[in-house]
Amino acid sequence: MHLAEVADLARQDAADGVQQQIVAAVIDVDGQVLLVRRRATDSRGGEWEFPGGKVDPGEDLNTALHREVVEETGMRIAEITGYLGAFDYTAQRGTYNRQHTWSVIVASADEVHLTEHDAYAWVAAADEYPLSADLEALLDKYFQS
């Protein structure tokens, strides 16, 4: 996805009244995808998800994706291989969020260094761990492509 297309996503989010943009990465290493589990004390504690997080004010989606992957896993994105789509949800505090998800390849996956999650797993199918319907659909789409 070119930077102009990423900018189009941001413009559409603004037009749709999205209050918080979220980015997430489907990190593939040898046909397996990384899932991370939220700490029990976090909002939505215990849920499995893709590494990612909030886009900071003034930050573009691409920059946020790279930053969030490093912050949450210690890994660096070598290549963004595709845009998997977006879904909307309302956060517990009532914020209207839109999560954009990309497939990525990391420079090295020797070790995962968690900072905001309490567990991780590498999966080869969408049904190996309980995921929200939105995340499961994105993962199914990814594995079928």
C-alpha atoms as a PDB file:
ATOM      1  CA  MET A   1       0.000   0.000   0.000  1.00  0.00           C
ATOM      2  CA  HIS A   2       1.453   3.326  -1.054  1.00  0.00           C
ATOM      3  CA  LEU A   3       1.684   6.293   1.318  1.00  0.00           C
ATOM      4  CA  ALA A   4      -1.047   8.095  -0.648  1.00  0.00           C
ATOM      5  CA  GLU A   5      -3.398   5.164  -0.033  1.00  0.00           C
ATOM      6  CA  VAL A   6      -2.520   5.192   3.677  1.00  0.00           C
ATOM      7  CA  ALA A   7      -3.315   8.919   3.738  1.00  0.00           C
ATOM      8  CA  ASP A   8      -6.661   8.119   2.072  1.00  0.00           C
ATOM      9  CA  LEU A   9      -7.454   5.722   4.936  1.00  0.00           C
ATOM     10  CA  ALA A  10      -6.748   8.476   7.461  1.00  0.00           C
ATOM     11  CA  ARG A  11      -8.939  10.958   5.563  1.00  0.00           C
ATOM     12  CA  GLN A  12     -11.776   8.438   5.435  1.00  0.00           C
ATOM     13  CA  ASP A  13     -11.425   7.776   9.159  1.00  0.00           C
ATOM     14  CA  ALA A  14     -11.720  11.513   9.853  1.00  0.00           C
ATOM     15  CA  ALA A  15     -14.754  11.790   7.572  1.00  0.00           C
ATOM     16  CA  ASP A  16     -16.381   8.842   9.365  1.00  0.00           C
ATOM     17  CA  GLY A  17     -15.870  10.426  12.781  1.00  0.00           C
ATOM     18  CA  VAL A  18     -13.318   7.895  14.021  1.00  0.00           C
ATOM     19  CA  GLN A  19     -11.984   9.177  17.336  1.00  0.00           C
ATOM     20  CA  GLN A  20      -9.027   6.810  17.722  1.00  0.00           C
ATOM     21  CA  GLN A  21      -7.128   5.017  14.990  1.00  0.00           C
ATOM     22  CA  ILE A  22      -5.557   1.686  15.886  1.00  0.00           C
ATOM     23  CA  VAL A  23      -2.923  -0.204  13.900  1.00  0.00           C
ATOM     24  CA  ALA A  24      -2.120  -3.905  14.099  1.00  0.00           C
ATOM     25  CA  ALA A  25       0.327  -6.284  12.459  1.00  0.00           C
ATOM     26  CA  VAL A  26      -0.096  -9.853  11.328  1.00  0.00           C
ATOM     27  CA  ILE A  27       3.528 -10.940  11.723  1.00  0.00           C
ATOM     28  CA  ASP A  28       4.277 -14.046   9.685  1.00  0.00           C
ATOM     29  CA  VAL A  29       7.343 -16.176  10.286  1.00  0.00           C
ATOM     30  CA  ASP A  30       7.525 -19.408   8.299  1.00  0.00           C
ATOM     31  CA  GLY A  31       3.747 -19.641   7.907  1.00  0.00           C
ATOM     32  CA  GLN A  32       2.935 -18.941  11.539  1.00  0.00           C
ATOM     33  CA  VAL A  33       1.427 -15.717  12.866  1.00  0.00           C
ATOM     34  CA  LEU A  34       2.209 -14.056  16.191  1.00  0.00           C
ATOM     35  CA  LEU A  35      -0.613 -13.526  18.680  1.00  0.00           C
ATOM     36  CA  VAL A  36      -0.164 -11.697  21.979  1.00  0.00           C
ATOM     37  CA  ARG A  37      -2.360 -11.878  25.094  1.00  0.00           C
ATOM     38  CA  ARG A  38      -3.439  -8.812  27.080  1.00  0.00           C
ATOM     39  CA  ARG A  39      -2.548  -8.805  30.754  1.00  0.00           C
ATOM     40  CA  ALA A  40      -5.430  -9.715  33.055  1.00  0.00           C
ATOM     41  CA  THR A  41      -5.356  -6.221  34.596  1.00  0.00           C
ATOM     42  CA  ASP A  42      -5.741  -4.443  31.207  1.00  0.00           C
ATOM     43  CA  SER A  43      -9.016  -3.516  29.563  1.00  0.00           C
ATOM     44  CA  ARG A  44     -10.162  -6.636  27.717  1.00  0.00           C
ATOM     45  CA  GLY A  45      -7.692  -8.553  29.901  1.00  0.00           C
ATOM     46  CA  GLY A  46      -6.850 -12.074  28.777  1.00  0.00           C
ATOM     47  CA  GLU A  47      -7.848 -11.478  25.140  1.00  0.00           C
ATOM     48  CA  TRP A  48      -5.577 -12.596  22.315  1.00  0.00           C
ATOM     49  CA  GLU A  49      -4.783 -10.064  19.599  1.00  0.00           C
ATOM     50  CA  PHE A  50      -2.252  -8.964  16.994  1.00  0.00           C
ATOM     51  CA  PRO A  51       0.579  -6.678  18.113  1.00  0.00           C
ATOM     52  CA  GLY A  52      -0.432  -3.057  17.641  1.00  0.00           C
ATOM     53  CA  GLY A  53      -1.987  -0.086  19.322  1.00  0.00           C
ATOM     54  CA  LYS A  54      -3.108   3.506  19.217  1.00  0.00           C
ATOM     55  CA  VAL A  55      -1.956   5.999  16.621  1.00  0.00           C
ATOM     56  CA  ASP A  56      -0.527   9.015  18.434  1.00  0.00           C
ATOM     57  CA  PRO A  57      -1.737  12.548  17.590  1.00  0.00           C
ATOM     58  CA  GLY A  58       0.033  13.800  14.457  1.00  0.00           C
ATOM     59  CA  GLU A  59       1.376  10.336  13.625  1.00  0.00           C
ATOM     60  CA  ASP A  60       0.565   8.577  10.347  1.00  0.00           C
ATOM     61  CA  LEU A  61      -0.638   4.973  10.221  1.00  0.00           C
ATOM     62  CA  ASN A  62       2.599   3.641   8.737  1.00  0.00           C
ATOM     63  CA  THR A  63       4.803   5.246  11.392  1.00  0.00           C
ATOM     64  CA  ALA A  64       2.466   4.044  14.149  1.00  0.00           C
ATOM     65  CA  LEU A  65       2.550   0.472  12.817  1.00  0.00           C
ATOM     66  CA  HIS A  66       6.357   0.377  12.860  1.00  0.00           C
ATOM     67  CA  ARG A  67       6.506   1.974  16.332  1.00  0.00           C
ATOM     68  CA  GLU A  68       3.881  -0.307  17.875  1.00  0.00           C
ATOM     69  CA  VAL A  69       5.505  -3.508  16.592  1.00  0.00           C
ATOM     70  CA  VAL A  70       8.852  -2.476  18.097  1.00  0.00           C
ATOM     71  CA  GLU A  71       7.256  -1.377  21.382  1.00  0.00           C
ATOM     72  CA  GLU A  72       5.172  -4.528  21.848  1.00  0.00           C
ATOM     73  CA  THR A  73       7.483  -7.226  20.467  1.00  0.00           C
ATOM     74  CA  GLY A  74      10.999  -5.818  20.155  1.00  0.00           C
ATOM     75  CA  MET A  75      10.946  -6.775  16.461  1.00  0.00           C
ATOM     76  CA  ARG A  76      11.388  -4.425  13.506  1.00  0.00           C
ATOM     77  CA  ILE A  77       9.244  -4.543  10.382  1.00  0.00           C
ATOM     78  CA  ALA A  78      11.321  -5.336   7.293  1.00  0.00           C
ATOM     79  CA  GLU A  79       8.399  -5.187   4.871  1.00  0.00           C
ATOM     80  CA  ILE A  80       4.691  -4.460   4.874  1.00  0.00           C
ATOM     81  CA  THR A  81       3.294  -7.122   2.557  1.00  0.00           C
ATOM     82  CA  GLY A  82      -0.387  -6.183   2.430  1.00  0.00           C
ATOM     83  CA  TYR A  83      -3.370  -4.384   3.873  1.00  0.00           C
ATOM     84  CA  LEU A  84      -5.867  -6.832   5.374  1.00  0.00           C
ATOM     85  CA  GLY A  85      -8.630  -4.374   6.201  1.00  0.00           C
ATOM     86  CA  ALA A  86     -10.247  -2.507   9.043  1.00  0.00           C
ATOM     87  CA  PHE A  87     -13.051  -2.877  11.536  1.00  0.00           C
ATOM     88  CA  ASP A  88     -14.760  -0.487  13.918  1.00  0.00           C
ATOM     89  CA  TYR A  89     -15.524  -0.867  17.594  1.00  0.00           C
ATOM     90  CA  THR A  90     -16.371   1.215  20.623  1.00  0.00           C
ATOM     91  CA  ALA A  91     -13.822   1.103  23.427  1.00  0.00           C
ATOM     92  CA  GLN A  92     -14.866   0.630  27.054  1.00  0.00           C
ATOM     93  CA  ARG A  93     -14.488   4.374  27.634  1.00  0.00           C
ATOM     94  CA  GLY A  94     -16.865   5.061  24.731  1.00  0.00           C
ATOM     95  CA  THR A  95     -14.322   6.069  22.078  1.00  0.00           C
ATOM     96  CA  TYR A  96     -15.193   5.211  18.461  1.00  0.00           C
ATOM     97  CA  ASN A  97     -12.138   3.266  17.213  1.00  0.00           C
ATOM     98  CA  ARG A  98     -11.094   1.864  13.848  1.00  0.00           C
ATOM     99  CA  GLN A  99      -8.400  -0.794  13.682  1.00  0.00           C
ATOM    100  CA  HIS A 100      -6.344  -1.061  10.484  1.00  0.00           C
ATOM    101  CA  THR A 101      -4.408  -4.297  10.049  1.00  0.00           C
ATOM    102  CA  TRP A 102      -1.463  -5.088   7.775  1.00  0.00           C
ATOM    103  CA  SER A 103       0.517  -8.245   7.105  1.00  0.00           C
ATOM    104  CA  VAL A 104       4.224  -7.768   7.725  1.00  0.00           C
ATOM    105  CA  ILE A 105       7.554  -9.530   7.663  1.00  0.00           C
ATOM    106  CA  VAL A 106       9.994  -8.725  10.452  1.00  0.00           C
ATOM    107  CA  ALA A 107      13.746  -8.359  10.110  1.00  0.00           C
ATOM    108  CA  SER A 108      14.417 -11.018  12.756  1.00  0.00           C
ATOM    109  CA  ALA A 109      12.087 -13.105  14.865  1.00  0.00           C
ATOM    110  CA  ASP A 110      14.692 -14.792  17.036  1.00  0.00           C
ATOM    111  CA  GLU A 111      13.068 -13.536  20.236  1.00  0.00           C
ATOM    112  CA  VAL A 112       9.803 -11.853  21.148  1.00  0.00           C
ATOM    113  CA  HIS A 113      10.209  -9.243  23.884  1.00  0.00           C
ATOM    114  CA  LEU A 114       6.813  -8.516  25.419  1.00  0.00           C
ATOM    115  CA  THR A 115       6.295  -5.170  27.145  1.00  0.00           C
ATOM    116  CA  GLU A 116       2.505  -4.819  27.287  1.00  0.00           C
ATOM    117  CA  HIS A 117       1.290  -8.432  27.121  1.00  0.00           C
ATOM    118  CA  ASP A 118       1.775 -11.477  29.332  1.00  0.00           C
ATOM    119  CA  ALA A 119       2.005 -14.250  26.722  1.00  0.00           C
ATOM    120  CA  TYR A 120       2.500 -14.899  23.047  1.00  0.00           C
ATOM    121  CA  ALA A 121       1.898 -17.754  20.641  1.00  0.00           C
ATOM    122  CA  TRP A 122       2.695 -18.599  17.040  1.00  0.00           C
ATOM    123  CA  VAL A 123      -0.339 -19.993  15.218  1.00  0.00           C
ATOM    124  CA  ALA A 124      -0.944 -21.576  11.820  1.00  0.00           C
ATOM    125  CA  ALA A 125      -4.747 -21.340  11.902  1.00  0.00           C
ATOM    126  CA  ALA A 126      -7.281 -18.767  13.078  1.00  0.00           C
ATOM    127  CA  ASP A 127      -8.984 -21.140  15.512  1.00  0.00           C
ATOM    128  CA  GLU A 128      -5.966 -22.158  17.623  1.00  0.00           C
ATOM    129  CA  TYR A 129      -6.667 -19.479  20.252  1.00  0.00           C
ATOM    130  CA  PRO A 130      -9.893 -17.632  21.057  1.00  0.00           C
ATOM    131  CA  LEU A 131     -10.080 -14.422  19.014  1.00  0.00           C
ATOM    132  CA  SER A 132     -12.769 -11.828  18.524  1.00  0.00           C
ATOM    133  CA  ALA A 133     -14.879 -12.387  15.407  1.00  0.00           C
ATOM    134  CA  ASP A 134     -13.204  -9.427  13.680  1.00  0.00           C
ATOM    135  CA  LEU A 135      -9.675 -10.704  14.345  1.00  0.00           C
ATOM    136  CA  GLU A 136     -10.580 -14.258  13.395  1.00  0.00           C
ATOM    137  CA  ALA A 137     -11.998 -13.032  10.070  1.00  0.00           C
ATOM    138  CA  LEU A 138      -8.811 -11.071   9.316  1.00  0.00           C
ATOM    139  CA  LEU A 139      -6.638 -14.051  10.198  1.00  0.00           C
ATOM    140  CA  ASP A 140      -8.761 -16.404   8.094  1.00  0.00           C
ATOM    141  CA  LYS A 141      -8.462 -13.950   5.194  1.00  0.00           C
ATOM    142  CA  TYR A 142      -4.700 -13.863   5.672  1.00  0.00           C
ATOM    143  CA  PHE A 143      -4.253 -17.649   5.790  1.00  0.00           C
ATOM    144  CA  GLN A 144      -6.472 -18.115   2.721  1.00  0.00           C
ATOM    145  CA  SER A 145      -4.497 -15.637   0.617  1.00  0.00           C
END
